[in-house]
Full PDB file with SEQRES, HELIX, SHEET, SSBOND, CRYST1, ORIGX, SCALE, CONECT and MASTER records, all heavy atoms in Angstrom:
SEQRES   1 A   30  GLN PHE LEU ILE GLU GLN TYR ALA ASN ASN ARG LYS VAL          
SEQRES   2 A   30  LEU VAL ILE VAL ASP GLU ALA GLN ASN LEU SER ALA LYS          
SEQRES   3 A   30  VAL LEU GLU GLU                                              
HELIX    1 AA1 PHE A    2  ALA A    8  1                                   7    
HELIX    2 AA2 ALA A   20  ASN A   22  5                                   3    
HELIX    3 AA3 ALA A   25  GLU A   29  1                                   5    
CRYST1    1.000    1.000    1.000  90.00  90.00  90.00 P 1           1          
ORIGX1      1.000000  0.000000  0.000000        0.00000                         
ORIGX2      0.000000  1.000000  0.000000        0.00000                         
ORIGX3      0.000000  0.000000  1.000000        0.00000                         
SCALE1      1.000000  0.000000  0.000000        0.00000                         
SCALE2      0.000000  1.000000  0.000000        0.00000                         
SCALE3      0.000000  0.000000  1.000000        0.00000                         
ATOM      1  N   GLN A   1      -7.525  -8.776  31.540  1.00  0.00           N  
ATOM      2  CA  GLN A   1      -7.161  -9.694  32.617  1.00  0.00           C  
ATOM      3  C   GLN A   1      -6.796 -11.068  32.054  1.00  0.00           C  
ATOM      4  O   GLN A   1      -5.827 -11.693  32.480  1.00  0.00           O  
ATOM      5  CB  GLN A   1      -8.310  -9.823  33.615  1.00  0.00           C  
ATOM      6  CG  GLN A   1      -7.977 -10.734  34.803  1.00  0.00           C  
ATOM      7  CD  GLN A   1      -9.127 -10.824  35.798  1.00  0.00           C  
ATOM      8  OE1 GLN A   1     -10.124 -10.106  35.686  1.00  0.00           O  
ATOM      9  NE2 GLN A   1      -9.003 -11.698  36.792  1.00  0.00           N  
ATOM     10  N   PHE A   2      -7.573 -11.531  31.075  1.00  0.00           N  
ATOM     11  CA  PHE A   2      -7.320 -12.835  30.455  1.00  0.00           C  
ATOM     12  C   PHE A   2      -5.940 -12.864  29.790  1.00  0.00           C  
ATOM     13  O   PHE A   2      -5.180 -13.826  29.960  1.00  0.00           O  
ATOM     14  CB  PHE A   2      -8.402 -13.151  29.427  1.00  0.00           C  
ATOM     15  CG  PHE A   2      -8.152 -14.399  28.625  1.00  0.00           C  
ATOM     16  CD1 PHE A   2      -8.435 -15.646  29.154  1.00  0.00           C  
ATOM     17  CD2 PHE A   2      -7.615 -14.329  27.337  1.00  0.00           C  
ATOM     18  CE1 PHE A   2      -8.188 -16.804  28.414  1.00  0.00           C  
ATOM     19  CE2 PHE A   2      -7.373 -15.467  26.598  1.00  0.00           C  
ATOM     20  CZ  PHE A   2      -7.666 -16.708  27.138  1.00  0.00           C  
ATOM     21  N   LEU A   3      -5.615 -11.813  29.051  1.00  0.00           N  
ATOM     22  CA  LEU A   3      -4.338 -11.765  28.347  1.00  0.00           C  
ATOM     23  C   LEU A   3      -3.163 -11.758  29.318  1.00  0.00           C  
ATOM     24  O   LEU A   3      -2.160 -12.453  29.116  1.00  0.00           O  
ATOM     25  CB  LEU A   3      -4.286 -10.535  27.440  1.00  0.00           C  
ATOM     26  CG  LEU A   3      -5.263 -10.532  26.252  1.00  0.00           C  
ATOM     27  CD1 LEU A   3      -5.244  -9.186  25.530  1.00  0.00           C  
ATOM     28  CD2 LEU A   3      -4.945 -11.661  25.286  1.00  0.00           C  
ATOM     29  N   ILE A   4      -3.283 -10.991  30.382  1.00  0.00           N  
ATOM     30  CA  ILE A   4      -2.214 -10.932  31.384  1.00  0.00           C  
ATOM     31  C   ILE A   4      -2.047 -12.284  32.079  1.00  0.00           C  
ATOM     32  O   ILE A   4      -0.930 -12.751  32.320  1.00  0.00           O  
ATOM     33  CB  ILE A   4      -2.482  -9.816  32.411  1.00  0.00           C  
ATOM     34  CG1 ILE A   4      -2.501  -8.440  31.726  1.00  0.00           C  
ATOM     35  CG2 ILE A   4      -1.445  -9.857  33.523  1.00  0.00           C  
ATOM     36  CD1 ILE A   4      -1.198  -8.064  31.073  1.00  0.00           C  
ATOM     37  N   GLU A   5      -3.153 -12.947  32.386  1.00  0.00           N  
ATOM     38  CA  GLU A   5      -3.093 -14.262  33.024  1.00  0.00           C  
ATOM     39  C   GLU A   5      -2.414 -15.286  32.128  1.00  0.00           C  
ATOM     40  O   GLU A   5      -1.618 -16.110  32.591  1.00  0.00           O  
ATOM     41  CB  GLU A   5      -4.492 -14.736  33.405  1.00  0.00           C  
ATOM     42  CG  GLU A   5      -5.099 -13.997  34.591  1.00  0.00           C  
ATOM     43  CD  GLU A   5      -6.519 -14.452  34.888  1.00  0.00           C  
ATOM     44  OE1 GLU A   5      -7.074 -15.226  34.064  1.00  0.00           O  
ATOM     45  OE2 GLU A   5      -7.070 -14.025  35.928  1.00  0.00           O  
ATOM     46  N   GLN A   6      -2.726 -15.257  30.819  1.00  0.00           N  
ATOM     47  CA  GLN A   6      -2.094 -16.204  29.901  1.00  0.00           C  
ATOM     48  C   GLN A   6      -0.589 -15.966  29.835  1.00  0.00           C  
ATOM     49  O   GLN A   6       0.203 -16.916  29.801  1.00  0.00           O  
ATOM     50  CB  GLN A   6      -2.719 -16.100  28.509  1.00  0.00           C  
ATOM     51  CG  GLN A   6      -4.213 -16.391  28.452  1.00  0.00           C  
ATOM     52  CD  GLN A   6      -4.573 -17.706  29.104  1.00  0.00           C  
ATOM     53  OE1 GLN A   6      -4.064 -18.769  28.740  1.00  0.00           O  
ATOM     54  NE2 GLN A   6      -5.438 -17.642  30.111  1.00  0.00           N  
ATOM     55  N   TYR A   7      -0.197 -14.709  29.806  1.00  0.00           N  
ATOM     56  CA  TYR A   7       1.228 -14.381  29.786  1.00  0.00           C  
ATOM     57  C   TYR A   7       1.917 -14.898  31.049  1.00  0.00           C  
ATOM     58  O   TYR A   7       3.013 -15.465  30.993  1.00  0.00           O  
ATOM     59  CB  TYR A   7       1.410 -12.871  29.647  1.00  0.00           C  
ATOM     60  CG  TYR A   7       2.865 -12.430  29.605  1.00  0.00           C  
ATOM     61  CD1 TYR A   7       3.561 -12.390  28.403  1.00  0.00           C  
ATOM     62  CD2 TYR A   7       3.518 -12.041  30.769  1.00  0.00           C  
ATOM     63  CE1 TYR A   7       4.887 -11.974  28.352  1.00  0.00           C  
ATOM     64  CE2 TYR A   7       4.842 -11.631  30.735  1.00  0.00           C  
ATOM     65  CZ  TYR A   7       5.518 -11.601  29.524  1.00  0.00           C  
ATOM     66  OH  TYR A   7       6.840 -11.196  29.486  1.00  0.00           O  
ATOM     67  N   ALA A   8       1.278 -14.691  32.188  1.00  0.00           N  
ATOM     68  CA  ALA A   8       1.851 -15.145  33.455  1.00  0.00           C  
ATOM     69  C   ALA A   8       2.015 -16.660  33.503  1.00  0.00           C  
ATOM     70  O   ALA A   8       2.900 -17.183  34.177  1.00  0.00           O  
ATOM     71  CB  ALA A   8       0.984 -14.671  34.622  1.00  0.00           C  
ATOM     72  N   ASN A   9       1.165 -17.371  32.765  1.00  0.00           N  
ATOM     73  CA  ASN A   9       1.215 -18.833  32.717  1.00  0.00           C  
ATOM     74  C   ASN A   9       2.011 -19.352  31.517  1.00  0.00           C  
ATOM     75  O   ASN A   9       1.888 -20.522  31.141  1.00  0.00           O  
ATOM     76  CB  ASN A   9      -0.195 -19.411  32.699  1.00  0.00           C  
ATOM     77  CG  ASN A   9      -0.926 -19.217  34.010  1.00  0.00           C  
ATOM     78  OD1 ASN A   9      -0.367 -19.423  35.075  1.00  0.00           O  
ATOM     79  ND2 ASN A   9      -2.180 -18.798  33.944  1.00  0.00           N  
ATOM     80  N   ASN A  10       2.804 -18.461  30.898  1.00  0.00           N  
ATOM     81  CA  ASN A  10       3.688 -18.824  29.784  1.00  0.00           C  
ATOM     82  C   ASN A  10       2.923 -19.341  28.563  1.00  0.00           C  
ATOM     83  O   ASN A  10       3.410 -20.211  27.838  1.00  0.00           O  
ATOM     84  CB  ASN A  10       4.727 -19.857  30.234  1.00  0.00           C  
ATOM     85  CG  ASN A  10       5.682 -19.306  31.282  1.00  0.00           C  
ATOM     86  OD1 ASN A  10       6.170 -18.187  31.154  1.00  0.00           O  
ATOM     87  ND2 ASN A  10       5.946 -20.104  32.315  1.00  0.00           N  
ATOM     88  N   ARG A  11       1.734 -18.810  28.380  1.00  0.00           N  
ATOM     89  CA  ARG A  11       0.969 -19.146  27.191  1.00  0.00           C  
ATOM     90  C   ARG A  11       0.965 -17.959  26.229  1.00  0.00           C  
ATOM     91  O   ARG A  11       0.885 -16.809  26.652  1.00  0.00           O  
ATOM     92  CB  ARG A  11      -0.466 -19.533  27.547  1.00  0.00           C  
ATOM     93  CG  ARG A  11      -0.588 -20.779  28.406  1.00  0.00           C  
ATOM     94  CD  ARG A  11      -2.049 -21.218  28.482  1.00  0.00           C  
ATOM     95  NE  ARG A  11      -2.225 -22.326  29.427  1.00  0.00           N  
ATOM     96  CZ  ARG A  11      -2.642 -22.173  30.659  1.00  0.00           C  
ATOM     97  NH1 ARG A  11      -2.929 -20.946  31.114  1.00  0.00           N  
ATOM     98  NH2 ARG A  11      -2.785 -23.227  31.454  1.00  0.00           N  
ATOM     99  N   LYS A  12       1.045 -18.255  24.953  1.00  0.00           N  
ATOM    100  CA  LYS A  12       0.973 -17.226  23.919  1.00  0.00           C  
ATOM    101  C   LYS A  12      -0.457 -17.121  23.416  1.00  0.00           C  
ATOM    102  O   LYS A  12      -1.135 -18.130  23.240  1.00  0.00           O  
ATOM    103  CB  LYS A  12       1.915 -17.580  22.764  1.00  0.00           C  
ATOM    104  CG  LYS A  12       3.374 -17.802  23.182  1.00  0.00           C  
ATOM    105  CD  LYS A  12       4.198 -18.247  22.001  1.00  0.00           C  
ATOM    106  CE  LYS A  12       5.657 -18.478  22.386  1.00  0.00           C  
ATOM    107  NZ  LYS A  12       5.814 -19.704  23.192  1.00  0.00           N  
ATOM    108  N   VAL A  13      -0.923 -15.919  23.187  1.00  0.00           N  
ATOM    109  CA  VAL A  13      -2.291 -15.696  22.713  1.00  0.00           C  
ATOM    110  C   VAL A  13      -2.234 -15.130  21.291  1.00  0.00           C  
ATOM    111  O   VAL A  13      -1.575 -14.124  21.038  1.00  0.00           O  
ATOM    112  CB  VAL A  13      -3.069 -14.736  23.630  1.00  0.00           C  
ATOM    113  CG1 VAL A  13      -4.502 -14.568  23.120  1.00  0.00           C  
ATOM    114  CG2 VAL A  13      -3.075 -15.259  25.067  1.00  0.00           C  
ATOM    115  N   LEU A  14      -2.934 -15.818  20.396  1.00  0.00           N  
ATOM    116  CA  LEU A  14      -2.951 -15.424  18.983  1.00  0.00           C  
ATOM    117  C   LEU A  14      -4.381 -15.171  18.540  1.00  0.00           C  
ATOM    118  O   LEU A  14      -5.264 -16.017  18.739  1.00  0.00           O  
ATOM    119  CB  LEU A  14      -2.337 -16.530  18.121  1.00  0.00           C  
ATOM    120  CG  LEU A  14      -2.488 -16.391  16.603  1.00  0.00           C  
ATOM    121  CD1 LEU A  14      -1.699 -15.196  16.087  1.00  0.00           C  
ATOM    122  CD2 LEU A  14      -2.041 -17.672  15.893  1.00  0.00           C  
ATOM    123  N   VAL A  15      -4.613 -14.028  17.927  1.00  0.00           N  
ATOM    124  CA  VAL A  15      -5.879 -13.720  17.286  1.00  0.00           C  
ATOM    125  C   VAL A  15      -5.639 -13.671  15.783  1.00  0.00           C  
ATOM    126  O   VAL A  15      -4.798 -12.907  15.311  1.00  0.00           O  
ATOM    127  CB  VAL A  15      -6.462 -12.377  17.766  1.00  0.00           C  
ATOM    128  CG1 VAL A  15      -7.728 -12.029  16.978  1.00  0.00           C  
ATOM    129  CG2 VAL A  15      -6.769 -12.429  19.256  1.00  0.00           C  
ATOM    130  N   ILE A  16      -6.365 -14.495  15.053  1.00  0.00           N  
ATOM    131  CA  ILE A  16      -6.242 -14.505  13.604  1.00  0.00           C  
ATOM    132  C   ILE A  16      -7.606 -14.232  12.998  1.00  0.00           C  
ATOM    133  O   ILE A  16      -8.595 -14.901  13.321  1.00  0.00           O  
ATOM    134  CB  ILE A  16      -5.630 -15.833  13.094  1.00  0.00           C  
ATOM    135  CG1 ILE A  16      -5.406 -15.782  11.586  1.00  0.00           C  
ATOM    136  CG2 ILE A  16      -6.459 -17.043  13.509  1.00  0.00           C  
ATOM    137  CD1 ILE A  16      -4.454 -16.866  11.111  1.00  0.00           C  
ATOM    138  N   VAL A  17      -7.669 -13.213  12.168  1.00  0.00           N  
ATOM    139  CA  VAL A  17      -8.924 -12.762  11.581  1.00  0.00           C  
ATOM    140  C   VAL A  17      -8.873 -13.000  10.083  1.00  0.00           C  
ATOM    141  O   VAL A  17      -8.044 -12.419   9.384  1.00  0.00           O  
ATOM    142  CB  VAL A  17      -9.177 -11.269  11.870  1.00  0.00           C  
ATOM    143  CG1 VAL A  17     -10.546 -10.852  11.317  1.00  0.00           C  
ATOM    144  CG2 VAL A  17      -9.106 -10.984  13.368  1.00  0.00           C  
ATOM    145  N   ASP A  18      -9.745 -13.868   9.580  1.00  0.00           N  
ATOM    146  CA  ASP A  18      -9.881 -14.097   8.146  1.00  0.00           C  
ATOM    147  C   ASP A  18     -10.996 -13.195   7.613  1.00  0.00           C  
ATOM    148  O   ASP A  18     -11.882 -12.783   8.359  1.00  0.00           O  
ATOM    149  CB  ASP A  18     -10.201 -15.567   7.878  1.00  0.00           C  
ATOM    150  CG  ASP A  18      -9.877 -15.992   6.444  1.00  0.00           C  
ATOM    151  OD1 ASP A  18      -9.367 -15.154   5.665  1.00  0.00           O  
ATOM    152  OD2 ASP A  18     -10.132 -17.163   6.106  1.00  0.00           O  
ATOM    153  N   GLU A  19     -10.929 -12.887   6.344  1.00  0.00           N  
ATOM    154  CA  GLU A  19     -11.868 -11.951   5.716  1.00  0.00           C  
ATOM    155  C   GLU A  19     -11.820 -10.585   6.402  1.00  0.00           C  
ATOM    156  O   GLU A  19     -12.842  -9.907   6.593  1.00  0.00           O  
ATOM    157  CB  GLU A  19     -13.297 -12.499   5.727  1.00  0.00           C  
ATOM    158  CG  GLU A  19     -13.474 -13.836   5.032  1.00  0.00           C  
ATOM    159  CD  GLU A  19     -13.237 -13.762   3.525  1.00  0.00           C  
ATOM    160  OE1 GLU A  19     -13.321 -12.659   2.950  1.00  0.00           O  
ATOM    161  OE2 GLU A  19     -12.960 -14.818   2.929  1.00  0.00           O  
ATOM    162  N   ALA A  20     -10.619 -10.171   6.785  1.00  0.00           N  
ATOM    163  CA  ALA A  20     -10.454  -8.934   7.550  1.00  0.00           C  
ATOM    164  C   ALA A  20     -10.778  -7.682   6.745  1.00  0.00           C  
ATOM    165  O   ALA A  20     -10.935  -6.601   7.323  1.00  0.00           O  
ATOM    166  CB  ALA A  20      -9.019  -8.846   8.090  1.00  0.00           C  
ATOM    167  N   GLN A  21     -10.890  -7.815   5.432  1.00  0.00           N  
ATOM    168  CA  GLN A  21     -11.237  -6.641   4.618  1.00  0.00           C  
ATOM    169  C   GLN A  21     -12.636  -6.127   4.936  1.00  0.00           C  
ATOM    170  O   GLN A  21     -12.986  -4.980   4.618  1.00  0.00           O  
ATOM    171  CB  GLN A  21     -11.142  -6.961   3.117  1.00  0.00           C  
ATOM    172  CG  GLN A  21     -12.283  -7.787   2.524  1.00  0.00           C  
ATOM    173  CD  GLN A  21     -12.126  -9.261   2.781  1.00  0.00           C  
ATOM    174  OE1 GLN A  21     -11.103  -9.708   3.289  1.00  0.00           O  
ATOM    175  NE2 GLN A  21     -13.149 -10.039   2.396  1.00  0.00           N  
ATOM    176  N   ASN A  22     -13.469  -6.952   5.593  1.00  0.00           N  
ATOM    177  CA  ASN A  22     -14.824  -6.541   5.948  1.00  0.00           C  
ATOM    178  C   ASN A  22     -14.895  -5.800   7.282  1.00  0.00           C  
ATOM    179  O   ASN A  22     -15.959  -5.274   7.632  1.00  0.00           O  
ATOM    180  CB  ASN A  22     -15.747  -7.764   6.004  1.00  0.00           C  
ATOM    181  CG  ASN A  22     -15.926  -8.430   4.654  1.00  0.00           C  
ATOM    182  OD1 ASN A  22     -15.947  -7.764   3.618  1.00  0.00           O  
ATOM    183  ND2 ASN A  22     -16.061  -9.752   4.651  1.00  0.00           N  
ATOM    184  N   LEU A  23     -13.802  -5.759   8.017  1.00  0.00           N  
ATOM    185  CA  LEU A  23     -13.811  -5.071   9.303  1.00  0.00           C  
ATOM    186  C   LEU A  23     -13.962  -3.566   9.093  1.00  0.00           C  
ATOM    187  O   LEU A  23     -13.305  -2.974   8.244  1.00  0.00           O  
ATOM    188  CB  LEU A  23     -12.525  -5.357  10.070  1.00  0.00           C  
ATOM    189  CG  LEU A  23     -12.280  -6.799  10.521  1.00  0.00           C  
ATOM    190  CD1 LEU A  23     -10.905  -6.916  11.159  1.00  0.00           C  
ATOM    191  CD2 LEU A  23     -13.352  -7.268  11.488  1.00  0.00           C  
ATOM    192  N   SER A  24     -14.812  -2.965   9.884  1.00  0.00           N  
ATOM    193  CA  SER A  24     -14.977  -1.512   9.812  1.00  0.00           C  
ATOM    194  C   SER A  24     -13.782  -0.814  10.460  1.00  0.00           C  
ATOM    195  O   SER A  24     -13.003  -1.428  11.204  1.00  0.00           O  
ATOM    196  CB  SER A  24     -16.270  -1.094  10.510  1.00  0.00           C  
ATOM    197  OG  SER A  24     -16.168  -1.309  11.913  1.00  0.00           O  
ATOM    198  N   ALA A  25     -13.661   0.472  10.204  1.00  0.00           N  
ATOM    199  CA  ALA A  25     -12.581   1.253  10.801  1.00  0.00           C  
ATOM    200  C   ALA A  25     -12.679   1.232  12.327  1.00  0.00           C  
ATOM    201  O   ALA A  25     -11.660   1.191  13.029  1.00  0.00           O  
ATOM    202  CB  ALA A  25     -12.615   2.685  10.268  1.00  0.00           C  
ATOM    203  N   LYS A  26     -13.898   1.244  12.866  1.00  0.00           N  
ATOM    204  CA  LYS A  26     -14.088   1.209  14.313  1.00  0.00           C  
ATOM    205  C   LYS A  26     -13.601  -0.108  14.907  1.00  0.00           C  
ATOM    206  O   LYS A  26     -12.986  -0.126  15.975  1.00  0.00           O  
ATOM    207  CB  LYS A  26     -15.560   1.442  14.660  1.00  0.00           C  
ATOM    208  CG  LYS A  26     -16.041   2.874  14.413  1.00  0.00           C  
ATOM    209  CD  LYS A  26     -17.478   3.061  14.865  1.00  0.00           C  
ATOM    210  CE  LYS A  26     -17.932   4.504  14.680  1.00  0.00           C  
ATOM    211  NZ  LYS A  26     -19.336   4.702  15.121  1.00  0.00           N  
ATOM    212  N   VAL A  27     -13.887  -1.205  14.207  1.00  0.00           N  
ATOM    213  CA  VAL A  27     -13.427  -2.509  14.693  1.00  0.00           C  
ATOM    214  C   VAL A  27     -11.900  -2.583  14.631  1.00  0.00           C  
ATOM    215  O   VAL A  27     -11.247  -3.060  15.564  1.00  0.00           O  
ATOM    216  CB  VAL A  27     -14.064  -3.652  13.880  1.00  0.00           C  
ATOM    217  CG1 VAL A  27     -13.459  -4.999  14.312  1.00  0.00           C  
ATOM    218  CG2 VAL A  27     -15.570  -3.674  14.079  1.00  0.00           C  
ATOM    219  N   LEU A  28     -11.325  -2.117  13.544  1.00  0.00           N  
ATOM    220  CA  LEU A  28      -9.875  -2.124  13.410  1.00  0.00           C  
ATOM    221  C   LEU A  28      -9.217  -1.275  14.495  1.00  0.00           C  
ATOM    222  O   LEU A  28      -8.140  -1.605  14.994  1.00  0.00           O  
ATOM    223  CB  LEU A  28      -9.470  -1.630  12.017  1.00  0.00           C  
ATOM    224  CG  LEU A  28      -9.739  -2.614  10.876  1.00  0.00           C  
ATOM    225  CD1 LEU A  28      -9.556  -1.936   9.518  1.00  0.00           C  
ATOM    226  CD2 LEU A  28      -8.819  -3.831  10.974  1.00  0.00           C  
ATOM    227  N   GLU A  29      -9.853  -0.206  14.891  1.00  0.00           N  
ATOM    228  CA  GLU A  29      -9.323   0.618  15.972  1.00  0.00           C  
ATOM    229  C   GLU A  29      -9.363  -0.153  17.296  1.00  0.00           C  
ATOM    230  O   GLU A  29      -8.440  -0.047  18.114  1.00  0.00           O  
ATOM    231  CB  GLU A  29     -10.109   1.919  16.080  1.00  0.00           C  
ATOM    232  CG  GLU A  29      -9.635   2.866  17.179  1.00  0.00           C  
ATOM    233  CD  GLU A  29      -8.210   3.342  17.008  1.00  0.00           C  
ATOM    234  OE1 GLU A  29      -7.641   3.205  15.900  1.00  0.00           O  
ATOM    235  OE2 GLU A  29      -7.650   3.871  17.995  1.00  0.00           O  
ATOM    236  N   GLU A  30     -10.423  -0.941  17.511  1.00  0.00           N  
ATOM    237  CA  GLU A  30     -10.494  -1.780  18.713  1.00  0.00           C  
ATOM    238  C   GLU A  30      -9.369  -2.808  18.699  1.00  0.00           C  
ATOM    239  O   GLU A  30      -8.757  -3.103  19.730  1.00  0.00           O  
ATOM    240  CB  GLU A  30     -11.847  -2.483  18.797  1.00  0.00           C  
ATOM    241  CG  GLU A  30     -13.028  -1.565  19.065  1.00  0.00           C  
ATOM    242  CD  GLU A  30     -13.043  -0.977  20.468  1.00  0.00           C  
ATOM    243  OE1 GLU A  30     -12.219  -1.385  21.323  1.00  0.00           O  
ATOM    244  OE2 GLU A  30     -13.879  -0.084  20.719  1.00  0.00           O  
TER     245      GLU A  30                                                      
MASTER        0    0    0    3    0    0    0    6  244    1    0    3          
END                                                                             
């Protein structure tokens, strides 16, 4: 819902993950 609302309001949403090599396969799937 949050992502759709931001799009409707002409806002861009960026997720940046540092140290991503530590993410598990399950997290990467999410």
